[in-house]
Each structure stands twice: as C-alpha cells, then as structure tokens.
Amino acid sequence: MMLRIARQVARGHPAVLTLVLIVFFAAQIVASSGTMSPLLRGALMAFPLGAMCGWWWAVLVVARDGVGRWDWVFVIPPLLALIAGFAGWPTVNSPVAFAIFLAIFIALTMAAKALEKADAPDGDPSVGRMLATFLLLYLAPLGVWVLRSKIIRVADRSPLTAQA
C-alpha cells in the first residue's frame, strides 16, 4: 500500500508539486502582511514543507523498493513547523529552525543517496552526483522537473514497484 502511494507521488507530474509550492508560498507572503490565527500560521508554515517532504519520501521509497525504519524523519520538518506556528515560536535563528534544518538535511541525504545508488550502473555513485541530487531535491520546484526522468527510470527498473 505505502509502496503504491509512494510510486504514484514520485511518478506524478511535476506541475502538481510546483503549483502546490507556488500557491502556498504566495499565501505565506500575503498572510504575513496581516494578523492571522495561530492555526492558519502553523498550516501555512507546515503545508509547503509537507509537500516537499512527501515528495522526498516518495523518491526514497521508490529508489529503495520499500519503506524503511527511518522514514519517520520525513514527518519531522512539517510537524515542527506546525507546532512552531501554533505555539508562536520563532523560526528564524532559533532552536526550532535548527531542528527543522537538521531533519531536512537528514531526509534529503537519505533520499539523494538512495536515488543515486539505484540509478548508478555499478551501485556506487560519486559524491558529486549525490550532492547534485541533494541540491535538486532541496530546490523542489526545479528538482521535480530535472529529476523526473531519473525517478521514472529507477521506478521502471524496480521489480517490486512494477508489481505495485
């Protein structure tokens, strides 16, 4: 079930993620000019992070052919952003911002490494390729377009995802 969902998300059209991110980033800009409820502030901070983390998780699961024991890391950034928004905690130069950054760094490292290992002919990708994939995953509106062919290639090669 989770593999099927991840496969659909990872293979989805890049315009969907791009549109979601643009709409919610624009909503954050508009909402920041006025006063808003803690619930709305938390949701506006968490949803774009949740969309990106969902895509990163899907890439990891498709590249790895299954859900692993560390996949819960992808839930931490949007959850922390939601809690910080509800509580009114600062998310600039604060411990919460560092925790969100650390969770994003770990999640992106896992996803980039899994994708490059699955795509490399010998299963041993270079550090440069992993770093480039890391940056493209981080820049999700651009990376979703650039990495699409690699993600589809990896998903099509996998025997487990072909059965999903």
N, C-alpha and C. Protein backbone atom coordinates (compact mmCIF):
# COMPACT_ATOMS: atom_id res chain seq x y z
N MET A 1 0.81 -1.19 0.00
CA MET A 1 0.00 0.00 0.00
C MET A 1 0.86 1.26 0.00
N MET A 2 1.82 1.34 0.95
CA MET A 2 2.68 2.52 1.03
C MET A 2 3.55 2.64 -0.22
N LEU A 3 3.99 1.49 -0.74
CA LEU A 3 4.81 1.49 -1.95
C LEU A 3 4.02 2.01 -3.15
N ARG A 4 2.76 1.65 -3.22
CA ARG A 4 1.92 2.12 -4.32
C ARG A 4 1.71 3.63 -4.23
N ILE A 5 1.46 4.13 -3.03
CA ILE A 5 1.29 5.57 -2.84
C ILE A 5 2.57 6.31 -3.20
N ALA A 6 3.70 5.80 -2.71
CA ALA A 6 4.98 6.44 -3.00
C ALA A 6 5.27 6.45 -4.49
N ARG A 7 4.95 5.36 -5.15
CA ARG A 7 5.19 5.29 -6.60
C ARG A 7 4.35 6.32 -7.34
N GLN A 8 3.08 6.48 -6.95
CA GLN A 8 2.22 7.45 -7.60
C GLN A 8 2.70 8.88 -7.35
N VAL A 9 3.15 9.16 -6.14
CA VAL A 9 3.65 10.50 -5.83
C VAL A 9 4.95 10.79 -6.58
N ALA A 10 5.88 9.83 -6.56
CA ALA A 10 7.17 10.05 -7.21
C ALA A 10 7.04 10.17 -8.71
N ARG A 11 6.13 9.42 -9.30
CA ARG A 11 5.96 9.45 -10.76
C ARG A 11 4.95 10.49 -11.21
N GLY A 12 4.36 11.21 -10.27
CA GLY A 12 3.36 12.23 -10.61
C GLY A 12 3.94 13.34 -11.46
N HIS A 13 3.05 14.08 -12.08
CA HIS A 13 3.51 15.16 -12.96
C HIS A 13 4.13 16.29 -12.14
N PRO A 14 5.26 16.81 -12.58
CA PRO A 14 5.96 17.86 -11.83
C PRO A 14 5.14 19.14 -11.64
N ALA A 15 4.21 19.38 -12.53
CA ALA A 15 3.42 20.61 -12.42
C ALA A 15 2.58 20.63 -11.14
N VAL A 16 2.18 19.47 -10.66
CA VAL A 16 1.34 19.41 -9.45
C VAL A 16 2.12 19.92 -8.24
N LEU A 17 3.33 19.37 -8.00
CA LEU A 17 4.13 19.83 -6.87
C LEU A 17 4.52 21.30 -7.03
N THR A 18 4.88 21.68 -8.23
CA THR A 18 5.26 23.08 -8.47
C THR A 18 4.10 24.01 -8.17
N LEU A 19 2.92 23.67 -8.61
CA LEU A 19 1.75 24.50 -8.36
C LEU A 19 1.42 24.59 -6.87
N VAL A 20 1.49 23.45 -6.17
CA VAL A 20 1.22 23.44 -4.73
C VAL A 20 2.21 24.36 -4.01
N LEU A 21 3.49 24.24 -4.34
CA LEU A 21 4.50 25.06 -3.66
C LEU A 21 4.33 26.54 -3.97
N ILE A 22 4.06 26.89 -5.21
CA ILE A 22 3.91 28.30 -5.58
C ILE A 22 2.69 28.90 -4.89
N VAL A 23 1.58 28.17 -4.87
CA VAL A 23 0.36 28.69 -4.23
C VAL A 23 0.58 28.93 -2.74
N PHE A 24 1.21 27.96 -2.06
CA PHE A 24 1.38 28.13 -0.61
C PHE A 24 2.48 29.12 -0.25
N PHE A 25 3.50 29.26 -1.09
CA PHE A 25 4.49 30.30 -0.82
C PHE A 25 3.86 31.68 -1.03
N ALA A 26 3.02 31.82 -2.05
CA ALA A 26 2.32 33.08 -2.27
C ALA A 26 1.36 33.37 -1.12
N ALA A 27 0.69 32.34 -0.62
CA ALA A 27 -0.22 32.52 0.51
C ALA A 27 0.53 32.95 1.75
N GLN A 28 1.74 32.42 1.95
CA GLN A 28 2.55 32.85 3.10
C GLN A 28 2.90 34.32 3.00
N ILE A 29 3.24 34.77 1.81
CA ILE A 29 3.61 36.18 1.61
C ILE A 29 2.40 37.08 1.88
N VAL A 30 1.25 36.71 1.35
CA VAL A 30 0.04 37.51 1.54
C VAL A 30 -0.36 37.50 3.02
N ALA A 31 -0.31 36.35 3.65
CA ALA A 31 -0.74 36.24 5.05
C ALA A 31 0.22 36.91 6.01
N SER A 32 1.47 37.03 5.63
CA SER A 32 2.44 37.65 6.54
C SER A 32 2.23 39.16 6.67
N SER A 33 1.48 39.75 5.75
CA SER A 33 1.25 41.19 5.82
C SER A 33 0.19 41.57 6.86
N GLY A 34 -0.61 40.60 7.29
CA GLY A 34 -1.65 40.90 8.28
C GLY A 34 -1.55 39.98 9.48
N THR A 35 -2.50 40.16 10.38
CA THR A 35 -2.53 39.28 11.54
C THR A 35 -3.30 38.02 11.17
N MET A 36 -2.85 36.90 11.71
CA MET A 36 -3.54 35.65 11.43
C MET A 36 -3.56 34.79 12.67
N SER A 37 -4.46 33.86 12.67
CA SER A 37 -4.59 32.96 13.82
C SER A 37 -3.40 32.01 13.88
N PRO A 38 -3.09 31.51 15.06
CA PRO A 38 -2.00 30.53 15.18
C PRO A 38 -2.24 29.29 14.33
N LEU A 39 -3.49 28.88 14.18
CA LEU A 39 -3.81 27.70 13.36
C LEU A 39 -3.45 27.95 11.90
N LEU A 40 -3.82 29.10 11.38
CA LEU A 40 -3.50 29.43 9.99
C LEU A 40 -2.00 29.60 9.80
N ARG A 41 -1.34 30.25 10.74
CA ARG A 41 0.11 30.45 10.65
C ARG A 41 0.84 29.10 10.63
N GLY A 42 0.42 28.19 11.51
CA GLY A 42 1.03 26.86 11.55
C GLY A 42 0.79 26.09 10.26
N ALA A 43 -0.42 26.15 9.74
CA ALA A 43 -0.74 25.44 8.50
C ALA A 43 0.03 26.00 7.31
N LEU A 44 0.14 27.33 7.25
CA LEU A 44 0.88 27.94 6.13
C LEU A 44 2.38 27.65 6.20
N MET A 45 2.89 27.42 7.38
CA MET A 45 4.31 27.05 7.50
C MET A 45 4.51 25.56 7.21
N ALA A 46 3.56 24.73 7.59
CA ALA A 46 3.74 23.28 7.50
C ALA A 46 3.40 22.71 6.13
N PHE A 47 2.44 23.27 5.43
CA PHE A 47 2.00 22.62 4.21
C PHE A 47 3.06 22.58 3.10
N PRO A 48 3.76 23.67 2.80
CA PRO A 48 4.80 23.56 1.76
C PRO A 48 5.90 22.57 2.16
N LEU A 49 6.28 22.60 3.44
CA LEU A 49 7.28 21.63 3.91
C LEU A 49 6.74 20.21 3.81
N GLY A 50 5.47 20.04 4.10
CA GLY A 50 4.85 18.72 3.99
C GLY A 50 4.82 18.22 2.56
N ALA A 51 4.53 19.11 1.62
CA ALA A 51 4.52 18.71 0.21
C ALA A 51 5.91 18.29 -0.24
N MET A 52 6.92 19.06 0.12
CA MET A 52 8.29 18.70 -0.26
C MET A 52 8.73 17.42 0.43
N CYS A 53 8.45 17.30 1.71
CA CYS A 53 8.85 16.08 2.44
C CYS A 53 8.12 14.85 1.89
N GLY A 54 6.88 15.01 1.49
CA GLY A 54 6.15 13.90 0.89
C GLY A 54 6.79 13.45 -0.41
N TRP A 55 7.22 14.40 -1.22
CA TRP A 55 7.90 14.05 -2.48
C TRP A 55 9.25 13.40 -2.19
N TRP A 56 10.01 13.95 -1.24
CA TRP A 56 11.31 13.35 -0.89
C TRP A 56 11.12 11.93 -0.39
N TRP A 57 10.11 11.72 0.45
CA TRP A 57 9.83 10.38 0.97
C TRP A 57 9.48 9.42 -0.17
N ALA A 58 8.65 9.88 -1.10
CA ALA A 58 8.26 9.03 -2.22
C ALA A 58 9.47 8.65 -3.07
N VAL A 59 10.37 9.59 -3.30
CA VAL A 59 11.59 9.31 -4.06
C VAL A 59 12.42 8.25 -3.33
N LEU A 60 12.57 8.40 -2.03
CA LEU A 60 13.33 7.44 -1.24
C LEU A 60 12.71 6.04 -1.30
N VAL A 61 11.42 5.94 -1.12
CA VAL A 61 10.76 4.64 -1.10
C VAL A 61 10.84 3.96 -2.47
N VAL A 62 10.64 4.72 -3.54
CA VAL A 62 10.72 4.14 -4.88
C VAL A 62 12.16 3.70 -5.18
N ALA A 63 13.14 4.51 -4.80
CA ALA A 63 14.54 4.16 -5.08
C ALA A 63 14.99 2.96 -4.25
N ARG A 64 14.43 2.80 -3.08
CA ARG A 64 14.85 1.74 -2.16
C ARG A 64 13.98 0.49 -2.26
N ASP A 65 12.91 0.55 -3.01
CA ASP A 65 11.96 -0.57 -3.16
C ASP A 65 11.25 -0.91 -1.87
N GLY A 66 10.94 0.05 -1.08
CA GLY A 66 10.17 -0.24 0.12
C GLY A 66 10.38 0.76 1.22
N VAL A 67 9.53 0.66 2.21
CA VAL A 67 9.57 1.56 3.36
C VAL A 67 10.59 1.02 4.36
N GLY A 68 11.39 1.92 4.92
CA GLY A 68 12.41 1.53 5.88
C GLY A 68 12.11 2.02 7.28
N ARG A 69 13.02 1.75 8.17
CA ARG A 69 12.76 2.10 9.57
C ARG A 69 13.03 3.56 9.88
N TRP A 70 13.70 4.30 9.01
CA TRP A 70 13.99 5.72 9.26
C TRP A 70 13.09 6.66 8.49
N ASP A 71 12.05 6.17 7.88
CA ASP A 71 11.18 7.02 7.06
C ASP A 71 10.39 8.04 7.87
N TRP A 72 10.29 7.87 9.17
CA TRP A 72 9.59 8.83 10.03
C TRP A 72 10.29 10.18 10.05
N VAL A 73 11.55 10.23 9.64
CA VAL A 73 12.30 11.50 9.62
C VAL A 73 11.61 12.52 8.71
N PHE A 74 10.92 12.05 7.66
CA PHE A 74 10.28 12.96 6.71
C PHE A 74 9.06 13.67 7.30
N VAL A 75 8.56 13.20 8.42
CA VAL A 75 7.40 13.82 9.06
C VAL A 75 7.83 14.95 9.99
N ILE A 76 9.06 14.93 10.45
CA ILE A 76 9.52 15.88 11.46
C ILE A 76 9.49 17.34 10.99
N PRO A 77 10.03 17.71 9.79
CA PRO A 77 10.02 19.14 9.43
C PRO A 77 8.64 19.78 9.39
N PRO A 78 7.64 19.18 8.69
CA PRO A 78 6.33 19.85 8.72
C PRO A 78 5.67 19.83 10.11
N LEU A 79 5.92 18.77 10.87
CA LEU A 79 5.35 18.70 12.21
C LEU A 79 5.93 19.78 13.12
N LEU A 80 7.24 19.97 13.05
CA LEU A 80 7.88 21.04 13.84
C LEU A 80 7.40 22.42 13.40
N ALA A 81 7.24 22.61 12.08
CA ALA A 81 6.75 23.90 11.59
C ALA A 81 5.32 24.15 12.05
N LEU A 82 4.50 23.11 12.05
CA LEU A 82 3.12 23.25 12.51
C LEU A 82 3.07 23.59 14.00
N ILE A 83 3.86 22.89 14.79
CA ILE A 83 3.91 23.15 16.23
C ILE A 83 4.44 24.56 16.50
N ALA A 84 5.48 24.96 15.78
CA ALA A 84 6.04 26.30 15.97
C ALA A 84 5.03 27.37 15.61
N GLY A 85 4.25 27.14 14.55
CA GLY A 85 3.22 28.10 14.17
C GLY A 85 2.12 28.19 15.21
N PHE A 86 1.68 27.04 15.72
CA PHE A 86 0.64 27.03 16.77
C PHE A 86 1.11 27.73 18.02
N ALA A 87 2.34 27.43 18.42
CA ALA A 87 2.86 27.96 19.69
C ALA A 87 3.40 29.37 19.57
N GLY A 88 3.58 29.85 18.35
CA GLY A 88 4.14 31.18 18.16
C GLY A 88 5.64 31.23 18.37
N TRP A 89 6.30 30.09 18.25
CA TRP A 89 7.76 30.05 18.42
C TRP A 89 8.44 30.67 17.21
N PRO A 90 9.56 31.32 17.43
CA PRO A 90 10.28 31.90 16.28
C PRO A 90 10.91 30.79 15.44
N THR A 91 10.90 30.99 14.14
CA THR A 91 11.50 30.01 13.24
C THR A 91 12.69 30.60 12.46
N VAL A 92 13.21 31.68 12.97
CA VAL A 92 14.40 32.29 12.37
C VAL A 92 15.47 32.35 13.45
N ASN A 93 16.62 31.76 13.18
CA ASN A 93 17.74 31.74 14.13
C ASN A 93 17.31 31.27 15.51
N SER A 94 16.66 30.12 15.55
CA SER A 94 16.17 29.58 16.81
C SER A 94 16.43 28.08 16.86
N PRO A 95 16.28 27.47 18.02
CA PRO A 95 16.44 26.01 18.10
C PRO A 95 15.45 25.25 17.22
N VAL A 96 14.24 25.79 17.05
CA VAL A 96 13.25 25.14 16.20
C VAL A 96 13.73 25.15 14.75
N ALA A 97 14.26 26.29 14.32
CA ALA A 97 14.77 26.40 12.95
C ALA A 97 15.92 25.42 12.73
N PHE A 98 16.79 25.28 13.71
CA PHE A 98 17.90 24.33 13.59
C PHE A 98 17.38 22.90 13.52
N ALA A 99 16.38 22.56 14.33
CA ALA A 99 15.83 21.20 14.32
C ALA A 99 15.16 20.90 12.97
N ILE A 100 14.44 21.87 12.41
CA ILE A 100 13.83 21.69 11.09
C ILE A 100 14.91 21.50 10.04
N PHE A 101 15.94 22.34 10.08
CA PHE A 101 17.04 22.22 9.12
C PHE A 101 17.73 20.87 9.24
N LEU A 102 17.99 20.43 10.44
CA LEU A 102 18.66 19.14 10.65
C LEU A 102 17.83 17.98 10.11
N ALA A 103 16.54 18.00 10.37
CA ALA A 103 15.66 16.93 9.87
C ALA A 103 15.60 16.96 8.34
N ILE A 104 15.54 18.15 7.75
CA ILE A 104 15.55 18.26 6.29
C ILE A 104 16.87 17.75 5.73
N PHE A 105 17.98 18.10 6.35
CA PHE A 105 19.29 17.65 5.90
C PHE A 105 19.38 16.12 5.91
N ILE A 106 18.94 15.49 6.99
CA ILE A 106 18.98 14.03 7.10
C ILE A 106 18.07 13.39 6.06
N ALA A 107 16.86 13.92 5.91
CA ALA A 107 15.91 13.36 4.95
C ALA A 107 16.43 13.48 3.52
N LEU A 108 16.97 14.64 3.19
CA LEU A 108 17.49 14.84 1.84
C LEU A 108 18.70 13.96 1.56
N THR A 109 19.55 13.80 2.54
CA THR A 109 20.72 12.93 2.36
C THR A 109 20.27 11.50 2.08
N MET A 110 19.31 11.02 2.85
CA MET A 110 18.81 9.66 2.64
C MET A 110 18.20 9.51 1.25
N ALA A 111 17.36 10.46 0.83
CA ALA A 111 16.69 10.37 -0.47
C ALA A 111 17.69 10.48 -1.62
N ALA A 112 18.63 11.41 -1.54
CA ALA A 112 19.60 11.59 -2.62
C ALA A 112 20.49 10.36 -2.76
N LYS A 113 20.94 9.84 -1.65
CA LYS A 113 21.81 8.66 -1.68
C LYS A 113 21.07 7.45 -2.26
N ALA A 114 19.83 7.24 -1.84
CA ALA A 114 19.05 6.10 -2.34
C ALA A 114 18.78 6.23 -3.84
N LEU A 115 18.42 7.43 -4.29
CA LEU A 115 18.14 7.63 -5.71
C LEU A 115 19.38 7.42 -6.56
N GLU A 116 20.50 7.96 -6.13
CA GLU A 116 21.73 7.81 -6.91
C GLU A 116 22.25 6.37 -6.89
N LYS A 117 22.12 5.69 -5.75
CA LYS A 117 22.54 4.28 -5.70
C LYS A 117 21.68 3.43 -6.63
N ALA A 118 20.40 3.71 -6.68
CA ALA A 118 19.51 2.94 -7.55
C ALA A 118 19.74 3.24 -9.02
N ASP A 119 20.20 4.45 -9.33
CA ASP A 119 20.41 4.84 -10.73
C ASP A 119 21.81 4.53 -11.24
N ALA A 120 22.79 4.44 -10.35
CA ALA A 120 24.17 4.19 -10.78
C ALA A 120 24.30 2.78 -11.36
N PRO A 121 25.01 2.65 -12.47
CA PRO A 121 25.16 1.33 -13.11
C PRO A 121 25.84 0.30 -12.18
N ASP A 122 26.81 0.74 -11.40
CA ASP A 122 27.53 -0.18 -10.52
C ASP A 122 27.05 -0.10 -9.08
N GLY A 123 26.05 0.74 -8.80
CA GLY A 123 25.51 0.87 -7.45
C GLY A 123 26.38 1.70 -6.52
N ASP A 124 27.40 2.36 -7.07
CA ASP A 124 28.31 3.16 -6.26
C ASP A 124 28.46 4.55 -6.88
N PRO A 125 27.53 5.47 -6.58
CA PRO A 125 27.57 6.80 -7.21
C PRO A 125 28.68 7.67 -6.61
N SER A 126 29.08 8.66 -7.38
CA SER A 126 30.09 9.60 -6.89
C SER A 126 29.45 10.58 -5.91
N VAL A 127 30.30 11.18 -5.11
CA VAL A 127 29.83 12.18 -4.14
C VAL A 127 29.25 13.38 -4.88
N GLY A 128 29.82 13.73 -6.00
CA GLY A 128 29.32 14.85 -6.78
C GLY A 128 27.91 14.63 -7.28
N ARG A 129 27.63 13.42 -7.75
CA ARG A 129 26.27 13.11 -8.20
C ARG A 129 25.29 13.17 -7.05
N MET A 130 25.69 12.64 -5.89
CA MET A 130 24.80 12.68 -4.72
C MET A 130 24.56 14.12 -4.27
N LEU A 131 25.61 14.94 -4.31
CA LEU A 131 25.45 16.34 -3.91
C LEU A 131 24.55 17.09 -4.87
N ALA A 132 24.70 16.84 -6.17
CA ALA A 132 23.84 17.50 -7.16
C ALA A 132 22.38 17.07 -6.97
N THR A 133 22.16 15.79 -6.72
CA THR A 133 20.80 15.31 -6.47
C THR A 133 20.25 15.90 -5.18
N PHE A 134 21.08 15.99 -4.15
CA PHE A 134 20.69 16.61 -2.88
C PHE A 134 20.19 18.04 -3.13
N LEU A 135 20.95 18.82 -3.88
CA LEU A 135 20.57 20.21 -4.15
C LEU A 135 19.30 20.30 -4.98
N LEU A 136 19.17 19.40 -5.96
CA LEU A 136 17.95 19.42 -6.77
C LEU A 136 16.72 19.00 -5.97
N LEU A 137 16.90 18.07 -5.05
CA LEU A 137 15.78 17.71 -4.18
C LEU A 137 15.42 18.87 -3.26
N TYR A 138 16.42 19.57 -2.76
CA TYR A 138 16.18 20.72 -1.87
C TYR A 138 15.43 21.83 -2.61
N LEU A 139 15.83 22.07 -3.84
CA LEU A 139 15.15 23.08 -4.66
C LEU A 139 14.01 22.39 -5.40
N ALA A 140 13.02 21.94 -4.67
CA ALA A 140 11.96 21.08 -5.18
C ALA A 140 11.25 21.60 -6.43
N PRO A 141 10.90 22.89 -6.54
CA PRO A 141 10.21 23.31 -7.75
C PRO A 141 11.06 23.13 -9.02
N LEU A 142 12.36 23.21 -8.89
CA LEU A 142 13.25 22.95 -10.03
C LEU A 142 13.60 21.47 -10.12
N GLY A 143 13.91 20.86 -8.99
CA GLY A 143 14.34 19.47 -8.96
C GLY A 143 13.29 18.50 -9.43
N VAL A 144 12.02 18.80 -9.18
CA VAL A 144 10.96 17.89 -9.59
C VAL A 144 10.94 17.76 -11.12
N TRP A 145 11.32 18.81 -11.81
CA TRP A 145 11.37 18.76 -13.28
C TRP A 145 12.65 18.08 -13.76
N VAL A 146 13.78 18.43 -13.16
CA VAL A 146 15.07 17.91 -13.61
C VAL A 146 15.23 16.43 -13.29
N LEU A 147 14.78 16.00 -12.11
CA LEU A 147 14.98 14.62 -11.68
C LEU A 147 13.88 13.67 -12.14
N ARG A 148 12.88 14.16 -12.81
CA ARG A 148 11.74 13.32 -13.19
C ARG A 148 12.15 12.11 -14.02
N SER A 149 12.99 12.30 -15.00
CA SER A 149 13.39 11.18 -15.86
C SER A 149 14.18 10.13 -15.07
N LYS A 150 15.02 10.58 -14.16
CA LYS A 150 15.79 9.64 -13.34
C LYS A 150 14.87 8.86 -12.41
N ILE A 151 13.90 9.53 -11.81
CA ILE A 151 12.97 8.86 -10.90
C ILE A 151 12.13 7.82 -11.66
N ILE A 152 11.65 8.19 -12.83
CA ILE A 152 10.86 7.25 -13.63
C ILE A 152 11.72 6.07 -14.08
N ARG A 153 12.96 6.33 -14.46
CA ARG A 153 13.87 5.26 -14.87
C ARG A 153 14.10 4.28 -13.72
N VAL A 154 14.33 4.80 -12.53
CA VAL A 154 14.54 3.95 -11.36
C VAL A 154 13.27 3.17 -11.02
N ALA A 155 12.12 3.83 -11.08
CA ALA A 155 10.85 3.17 -10.77
C ALA A 155 10.53 2.07 -11.78
N ASP A 156 10.84 2.29 -13.05
CA ASP A 156 10.56 1.30 -14.07
C ASP A 156 11.49 0.09 -13.97
N ARG A 157 12.70 0.29 -13.48
CA ARG A 157 13.66 -0.81 -13.35
C ARG A 157 13.39 -1.71 -12.16
N SER A 158 12.68 -1.19 -11.20
CA SER A 158 12.47 -1.91 -9.95
C SER A 158 11.39 -2.99 -10.11
N PRO A 159 11.72 -4.23 -9.76
CA PRO A 159 10.69 -5.28 -9.88
C PRO A 159 9.58 -5.15 -8.85
N LEU A 160 9.90 -4.64 -7.66
CA LEU A 160 8.88 -4.51 -6.62
C LEU A 160 7.89 -3.41 -6.94
N THR A 161 8.36 -2.29 -7.48
CA THR A 161 7.43 -1.20 -7.78
C THR A 161 6.62 -1.51 -9.03
N ALA A 162 7.13 -2.35 -9.90
CA ALA A 162 6.37 -2.72 -11.08
C ALA A 162 5.14 -3.54 -10.69
N GLN A 163 5.23 -4.27 -9.57
CA GLN A 163 4.09 -5.08 -9.12
C GLN A 163 3.07 -4.24 -8.37
N ALA A 164 3.50 -3.07 -7.84
CA ALA A 164 2.60 -2.25 -7.02
C ALA A 164 1.47 -1.66 -7.84
